[in-house]
Amino acid sequence: MTLGLLLFCGAIQAGVNDLVIHAGTLFDGLSDPPQHQVSILVRDDKIVSVESGYQSAAGAEVIDLSSATVMPGFIDCHVHISALLAARTNATQYWLTHSDTDRALDATAPAPN
């Protein structure tokens, strides 16, 4: 364990923009099954390594997500960006932020095919 920690700290000299994320569970899209209790080193907005256990490089900012699931690079594609609020509870905002064309297109959604 000590040797691993020394190798980890020696291999990653913390830079100005280094970040270490302690992840409880990591879904990376490559590993099967998911990894648990790992440290993710991010340098200049790119993941450079994933190490077992919760480790930190000197000077790096640490984000503790040890009780969370981390899914880097995944995008939530199931978002209803243009959906109306239920029962148009916020009708004022809808009328202020949508054009006549938007409202006409919204009206065609419930029309039968």
N, C-alpha and C. Protein backbone atom coordinates (compact mmCIF):
# COMPACT_ATOMS: atom_id res chain seq x y z
N MET A 1 0.83 -1.20 0.00
CA MET A 1 0.00 0.00 0.00
C MET A 1 0.87 1.25 0.00
N THR A 2 1.90 1.26 0.87
CA THR A 2 2.78 2.43 0.95
C THR A 2 3.53 2.63 -0.35
N LEU A 3 4.00 1.52 -0.95
CA LEU A 3 4.71 1.62 -2.22
C LEU A 3 3.79 2.18 -3.30
N GLY A 4 2.55 1.69 -3.32
CA GLY A 4 1.59 2.19 -4.30
C GLY A 4 1.35 3.67 -4.13
N LEU A 5 1.22 4.12 -2.89
CA LEU A 5 1.01 5.54 -2.63
C LEU A 5 2.21 6.36 -3.07
N LEU A 6 3.43 5.86 -2.79
CA LEU A 6 4.63 6.57 -3.21
C LEU A 6 4.72 6.64 -4.74
N LEU A 7 4.40 5.53 -5.41
CA LEU A 7 4.43 5.54 -6.87
C LEU A 7 3.39 6.49 -7.42
N PHE A 8 2.21 6.50 -6.81
CA PHE A 8 1.13 7.39 -7.25
C PHE A 8 1.56 8.84 -7.09
N CYS A 9 2.06 9.19 -5.93
CA CYS A 9 2.46 10.58 -5.67
C CYS A 9 3.67 10.98 -6.51
N GLY A 10 4.58 10.04 -6.73
CA GLY A 10 5.76 10.33 -7.53
C GLY A 10 5.43 10.47 -9.00
N ALA A 11 4.45 9.71 -9.46
CA ALA A 11 4.10 9.72 -10.88
C ALA A 11 3.28 10.94 -11.25
N ILE A 12 2.59 11.52 -10.31
CA ILE A 12 1.75 12.68 -10.63
C ILE A 12 2.17 13.88 -9.80
N GLN A 13 3.00 14.66 -10.33
CA GLN A 13 3.36 15.90 -9.68
C GLN A 13 2.23 16.88 -9.91
N ALA A 14 1.66 17.36 -8.86
CA ALA A 14 0.51 18.25 -8.98
C ALA A 14 0.91 19.56 -9.63
N GLY A 15 0.16 19.93 -10.65
CA GLY A 15 0.36 21.20 -11.32
C GLY A 15 -0.67 22.21 -10.85
N VAL A 16 -0.68 23.35 -11.47
CA VAL A 16 -1.58 24.41 -11.07
C VAL A 16 -3.04 24.01 -11.25
N ASN A 17 -3.35 23.28 -12.31
CA ASN A 17 -4.74 22.95 -12.61
C ASN A 17 -5.08 21.49 -12.30
N ASP A 18 -4.34 20.85 -11.40
CA ASP A 18 -4.61 19.44 -11.09
C ASP A 18 -5.77 19.30 -10.13
N LEU A 19 -6.52 18.25 -10.36
CA LEU A 19 -7.70 17.96 -9.57
C LEU A 19 -7.73 16.46 -9.32
N VAL A 20 -8.02 16.05 -8.11
CA VAL A 20 -8.20 14.64 -7.79
C VAL A 20 -9.63 14.45 -7.31
N ILE A 21 -10.33 13.50 -7.94
CA ILE A 21 -11.71 13.20 -7.56
C ILE A 21 -11.72 11.84 -6.89
N HIS A 22 -12.18 11.80 -5.65
CA HIS A 22 -12.35 10.54 -4.95
C HIS A 22 -13.75 10.03 -5.27
N ALA A 23 -13.83 8.95 -6.04
CA ALA A 23 -15.12 8.44 -6.52
C ALA A 23 -15.49 7.16 -5.77
N GLY A 24 -16.72 7.12 -5.26
CA GLY A 24 -17.21 5.90 -4.62
C GLY A 24 -17.39 4.80 -5.63
N THR A 25 -18.00 5.12 -6.76
CA THR A 25 -18.18 4.18 -7.87
C THR A 25 -17.86 4.93 -9.16
N LEU A 26 -17.12 4.28 -10.04
CA LEU A 26 -16.74 4.89 -11.31
C LEU A 26 -17.24 4.03 -12.47
N PHE A 27 -18.13 4.61 -13.28
CA PHE A 27 -18.53 4.02 -14.55
C PHE A 27 -17.76 4.78 -15.61
N ASP A 28 -16.79 4.12 -16.24
CA ASP A 28 -16.00 4.83 -17.24
C ASP A 28 -16.29 4.39 -18.67
N GLY A 29 -17.20 3.45 -18.84
CA GLY A 29 -17.53 2.98 -20.18
C GLY A 29 -16.53 1.99 -20.74
N LEU A 30 -15.46 1.74 -20.00
CA LEU A 30 -14.43 0.81 -20.45
C LEU A 30 -14.32 -0.42 -19.55
N SER A 31 -14.46 -0.20 -18.26
CA SER A 31 -14.29 -1.27 -17.29
C SER A 31 -15.61 -1.97 -17.03
N ASP A 32 -15.53 -3.28 -16.86
CA ASP A 32 -16.71 -4.05 -16.50
C ASP A 32 -16.27 -5.06 -15.46
N PRO A 33 -16.72 -4.99 -14.28
CA PRO A 33 -17.76 -4.14 -13.71
C PRO A 33 -17.21 -2.76 -13.34
N PRO A 34 -18.09 -1.89 -12.82
CA PRO A 34 -17.63 -0.56 -12.40
C PRO A 34 -16.56 -0.66 -11.33
N GLN A 35 -15.73 0.35 -11.26
CA GLN A 35 -14.67 0.40 -10.24
C GLN A 35 -15.21 1.09 -9.00
N HIS A 36 -14.71 0.67 -7.84
CA HIS A 36 -15.15 1.26 -6.57
C HIS A 36 -13.95 1.82 -5.82
N GLN A 37 -14.19 2.89 -5.10
CA GLN A 37 -13.20 3.56 -4.27
C GLN A 37 -11.91 3.83 -5.05
N VAL A 38 -12.01 4.78 -5.99
CA VAL A 38 -10.87 5.14 -6.83
C VAL A 38 -10.59 6.64 -6.75
N SER A 39 -9.39 6.99 -7.14
CA SER A 39 -8.99 8.40 -7.26
C SER A 39 -8.75 8.69 -8.73
N ILE A 40 -9.36 9.75 -9.22
CA ILE A 40 -9.26 10.15 -10.62
C ILE A 40 -8.44 11.43 -10.69
N LEU A 41 -7.31 11.38 -11.39
CA LEU A 41 -6.48 12.58 -11.55
C LEU A 41 -6.85 13.28 -12.83
N VAL A 42 -7.19 14.56 -12.71
CA VAL A 42 -7.56 15.39 -13.86
C VAL A 42 -6.51 16.48 -13.97
N ARG A 43 -5.90 16.57 -15.13
CA ARG A 43 -4.89 17.61 -15.38
C ARG A 43 -5.28 18.36 -16.65
N ASP A 44 -5.39 19.67 -16.54
CA ASP A 44 -5.77 20.51 -17.69
C ASP A 44 -7.05 20.00 -18.34
N ASP A 45 -8.06 19.70 -17.50
CA ASP A 45 -9.38 19.27 -17.94
C ASP A 45 -9.41 17.92 -18.64
N LYS A 46 -8.38 17.08 -18.45
CA LYS A 46 -8.35 15.74 -19.04
C LYS A 46 -7.99 14.73 -17.96
N ILE A 47 -8.68 13.60 -17.98
CA ILE A 47 -8.36 12.52 -17.03
C ILE A 47 -7.04 11.90 -17.48
N VAL A 48 -6.07 11.88 -16.57
CA VAL A 48 -4.76 11.31 -16.91
C VAL A 48 -4.52 9.97 -16.23
N SER A 49 -5.23 9.69 -15.12
CA SER A 49 -5.07 8.38 -14.50
C SER A 49 -6.22 8.11 -13.54
N VAL A 50 -6.43 6.81 -13.29
CA VAL A 50 -7.39 6.35 -12.31
C VAL A 50 -6.63 5.35 -11.44
N GLU A 51 -6.60 5.60 -10.14
CA GLU A 51 -5.86 4.76 -9.21
C GLU A 51 -6.80 4.18 -8.16
N SER A 52 -6.51 2.98 -7.70
CA SER A 52 -7.30 2.35 -6.64
C SER A 52 -7.09 3.08 -5.32
N GLY A 53 -8.15 3.17 -4.55
CA GLY A 53 -8.07 3.81 -3.23
C GLY A 53 -8.18 5.32 -3.34
N TYR A 54 -8.31 5.95 -2.17
CA TYR A 54 -8.42 7.41 -2.13
C TYR A 54 -7.05 7.99 -1.87
N GLN A 55 -6.45 8.54 -2.92
CA GLN A 55 -5.11 9.10 -2.85
C GLN A 55 -5.15 10.53 -3.36
N SER A 56 -4.15 11.31 -3.00
CA SER A 56 -4.10 12.70 -3.44
C SER A 56 -2.67 13.09 -3.77
N ALA A 57 -2.51 13.91 -4.77
CA ALA A 57 -1.20 14.48 -5.09
C ALA A 57 -1.05 15.78 -4.32
N ALA A 58 0.14 16.03 -3.86
CA ALA A 58 0.40 17.26 -3.11
C ALA A 58 0.06 18.48 -3.98
N GLY A 59 -0.72 19.39 -3.43
CA GLY A 59 -1.07 20.61 -4.13
C GLY A 59 -2.29 20.51 -5.03
N ALA A 60 -2.81 19.32 -5.23
CA ALA A 60 -3.98 19.17 -6.10
C ALA A 60 -5.25 19.46 -5.32
N GLU A 61 -6.23 20.05 -5.99
CA GLU A 61 -7.55 20.24 -5.39
C GLU A 61 -8.23 18.88 -5.32
N VAL A 62 -8.88 18.57 -4.21
CA VAL A 62 -9.55 17.28 -4.04
C VAL A 62 -11.06 17.51 -3.94
N ILE A 63 -11.80 16.75 -4.74
CA ILE A 63 -13.26 16.75 -4.65
C ILE A 63 -13.67 15.39 -4.12
N ASP A 64 -14.36 15.38 -2.99
CA ASP A 64 -14.75 14.13 -2.35
C ASP A 64 -16.13 13.70 -2.85
N LEU A 65 -16.14 12.73 -3.75
CA LEU A 65 -17.37 12.13 -4.23
C LEU A 65 -17.38 10.65 -3.83
N SER A 66 -16.80 10.38 -2.66
CA SER A 66 -16.66 9.00 -2.21
C SER A 66 -17.99 8.33 -1.92
N SER A 67 -19.04 9.10 -1.78
CA SER A 67 -20.37 8.51 -1.56
C SER A 67 -21.24 8.66 -2.80
N ALA A 68 -20.61 8.94 -3.95
CA ALA A 68 -21.36 9.19 -5.18
C ALA A 68 -20.86 8.31 -6.32
N THR A 69 -21.65 8.26 -7.37
CA THR A 69 -21.27 7.57 -8.60
C THR A 69 -20.80 8.61 -9.60
N VAL A 70 -19.63 8.37 -10.20
CA VAL A 70 -19.04 9.30 -11.14
C VAL A 70 -19.06 8.65 -12.53
N MET A 71 -19.54 9.41 -13.52
CA MET A 71 -19.63 8.90 -14.89
C MET A 71 -19.03 9.94 -15.85
N PRO A 72 -17.70 10.04 -15.93
CA PRO A 72 -17.09 11.08 -16.77
C PRO A 72 -17.34 10.82 -18.25
N GLY A 73 -17.64 11.89 -18.96
CA GLY A 73 -17.82 11.80 -20.39
C GLY A 73 -19.20 11.38 -20.84
N PHE A 74 -20.03 10.95 -19.92
CA PHE A 74 -21.38 10.55 -20.30
C PHE A 74 -22.24 11.80 -20.41
N ILE A 75 -23.18 11.78 -21.31
CA ILE A 75 -24.09 12.90 -21.51
C ILE A 75 -25.51 12.41 -21.28
N ASP A 76 -26.27 13.13 -20.52
CA ASP A 76 -27.67 12.79 -20.29
C ASP A 76 -28.46 13.27 -21.50
N CYS A 77 -28.75 12.34 -22.39
CA CYS A 77 -29.46 12.69 -23.62
C CYS A 77 -30.96 12.78 -23.44
N HIS A 78 -31.46 12.35 -22.30
CA HIS A 78 -32.90 12.34 -22.08
C HIS A 78 -33.32 13.61 -21.34
N VAL A 79 -33.28 14.70 -22.05
CA VAL A 79 -33.66 15.99 -21.48
C VAL A 79 -34.70 16.61 -22.40
N HIS A 80 -35.80 17.03 -21.82
CA HIS A 80 -36.87 17.65 -22.59
C HIS A 80 -36.69 19.17 -22.58
N ILE A 81 -35.77 19.64 -23.39
CA ILE A 81 -35.43 21.06 -23.38
C ILE A 81 -36.63 21.94 -23.73
N SER A 82 -37.44 21.50 -24.68
CA SER A 82 -38.53 22.35 -25.13
C SER A 82 -39.87 21.96 -24.53
N ALA A 83 -39.89 21.04 -23.58
CA ALA A 83 -41.17 20.60 -23.02
C ALA A 83 -41.80 21.70 -22.18
N LEU A 84 -43.12 21.75 -22.24
CA LEU A 84 -43.86 22.70 -21.43
C LEU A 84 -43.97 22.17 -20.01
N LEU A 85 -44.08 23.06 -19.07
CA LEU A 85 -44.28 22.64 -17.69
C LEU A 85 -45.67 22.05 -17.54
N ALA A 86 -45.81 21.16 -16.60
CA ALA A 86 -47.11 20.51 -16.38
C ALA A 86 -48.17 21.57 -16.12
N ALA A 87 -49.30 21.46 -16.81
CA ALA A 87 -50.45 22.36 -16.68
C ALA A 87 -50.06 23.82 -16.88
N ARG A 88 -48.95 24.05 -17.55
CA ARG A 88 -48.48 25.42 -17.82
C ARG A 88 -48.49 26.28 -16.56
N THR A 89 -47.93 25.74 -15.50
CA THR A 89 -47.92 26.44 -14.22
C THR A 89 -47.12 27.74 -14.28
N ASN A 90 -46.24 27.84 -15.26
CA ASN A 90 -45.43 29.04 -15.38
C ASN A 90 -45.75 29.71 -16.73
N ALA A 91 -47.01 29.99 -16.95
CA ALA A 91 -47.47 30.53 -18.23
C ALA A 91 -46.84 31.87 -18.57
N THR A 92 -46.58 32.70 -17.57
CA THR A 92 -45.98 34.02 -17.83
C THR A 92 -44.60 33.86 -18.45
N GLN A 93 -43.79 33.01 -17.86
CA GLN A 93 -42.46 32.78 -18.42
C GLN A 93 -42.56 32.21 -19.83
N TYR A 94 -43.48 31.29 -20.05
CA TYR A 94 -43.66 30.70 -21.37
C TYR A 94 -43.98 31.78 -22.41
N TRP A 95 -44.89 32.67 -22.10
CA TRP A 95 -45.28 33.69 -23.06
C TRP A 95 -44.18 34.73 -23.29
N LEU A 96 -43.35 34.96 -22.28
CA LEU A 96 -42.26 35.94 -22.43
C LEU A 96 -41.06 35.37 -23.16
N THR A 97 -40.89 34.06 -23.14
CA THR A 97 -39.68 33.47 -23.70
C THR A 97 -39.90 32.70 -25.00
N HIS A 98 -41.14 32.61 -25.48
CA HIS A 98 -41.42 31.87 -26.71
C HIS A 98 -42.08 32.78 -27.74
N SER A 99 -41.66 32.61 -28.98
CA SER A 99 -42.24 33.42 -30.06
C SER A 99 -43.55 32.81 -30.54
N ASP A 100 -44.23 33.53 -31.43
CA ASP A 100 -45.47 33.00 -32.01
C ASP A 100 -45.20 31.69 -32.77
N THR A 101 -44.06 31.63 -33.42
CA THR A 101 -43.71 30.39 -34.14
C THR A 101 -43.54 29.23 -33.17
N ASP A 102 -42.85 29.48 -32.06
CA ASP A 102 -42.70 28.43 -31.03
C ASP A 102 -44.06 27.94 -30.56
N ARG A 103 -44.95 28.86 -30.29
CA ARG A 103 -46.29 28.49 -29.78
C ARG A 103 -47.07 27.70 -30.84
N ALA A 104 -46.91 28.07 -32.10
CA ALA A 104 -47.60 27.34 -33.18
C ALA A 104 -47.07 25.91 -33.28
N LEU A 105 -45.77 25.75 -33.19
CA LEU A 105 -45.18 24.41 -33.26
C LEU A 105 -45.56 23.59 -32.02
N ASP A 106 -45.60 24.22 -30.86
CA ASP A 106 -46.01 23.52 -29.64
C ASP A 106 -47.44 23.01 -29.77
N ALA A 107 -48.28 23.77 -30.45
CA ALA A 107 -49.68 23.39 -30.58
C ALA A 107 -49.87 22.15 -31.46
N THR A 108 -48.90 21.87 -32.32
CA THR A 108 -49.04 20.70 -33.21
C THR A 108 -48.66 19.40 -32.52
N ALA A 109 -47.99 19.45 -31.38
CA ALA A 109 -47.53 18.25 -30.70
C ALA A 109 -48.65 17.29 -30.34
N PRO A 110 -49.75 17.75 -29.77
CA PRO A 110 -50.80 16.79 -29.41
C PRO A 110 -51.72 16.39 -30.57
N ALA A 111 -51.51 16.95 -31.76
CA ALA A 111 -52.36 16.66 -32.91
C ALA A 111 -52.20 15.20 -33.33
N PRO A 112 -53.31 14.55 -33.75
CA PRO A 112 -53.20 13.15 -34.22
C PRO A 112 -52.39 13.08 -35.51
N ASN A 113 -51.75 11.95 -35.72
CA ASN A 113 -50.91 11.77 -36.91
C ASN A 113 -51.74 11.63 -38.15
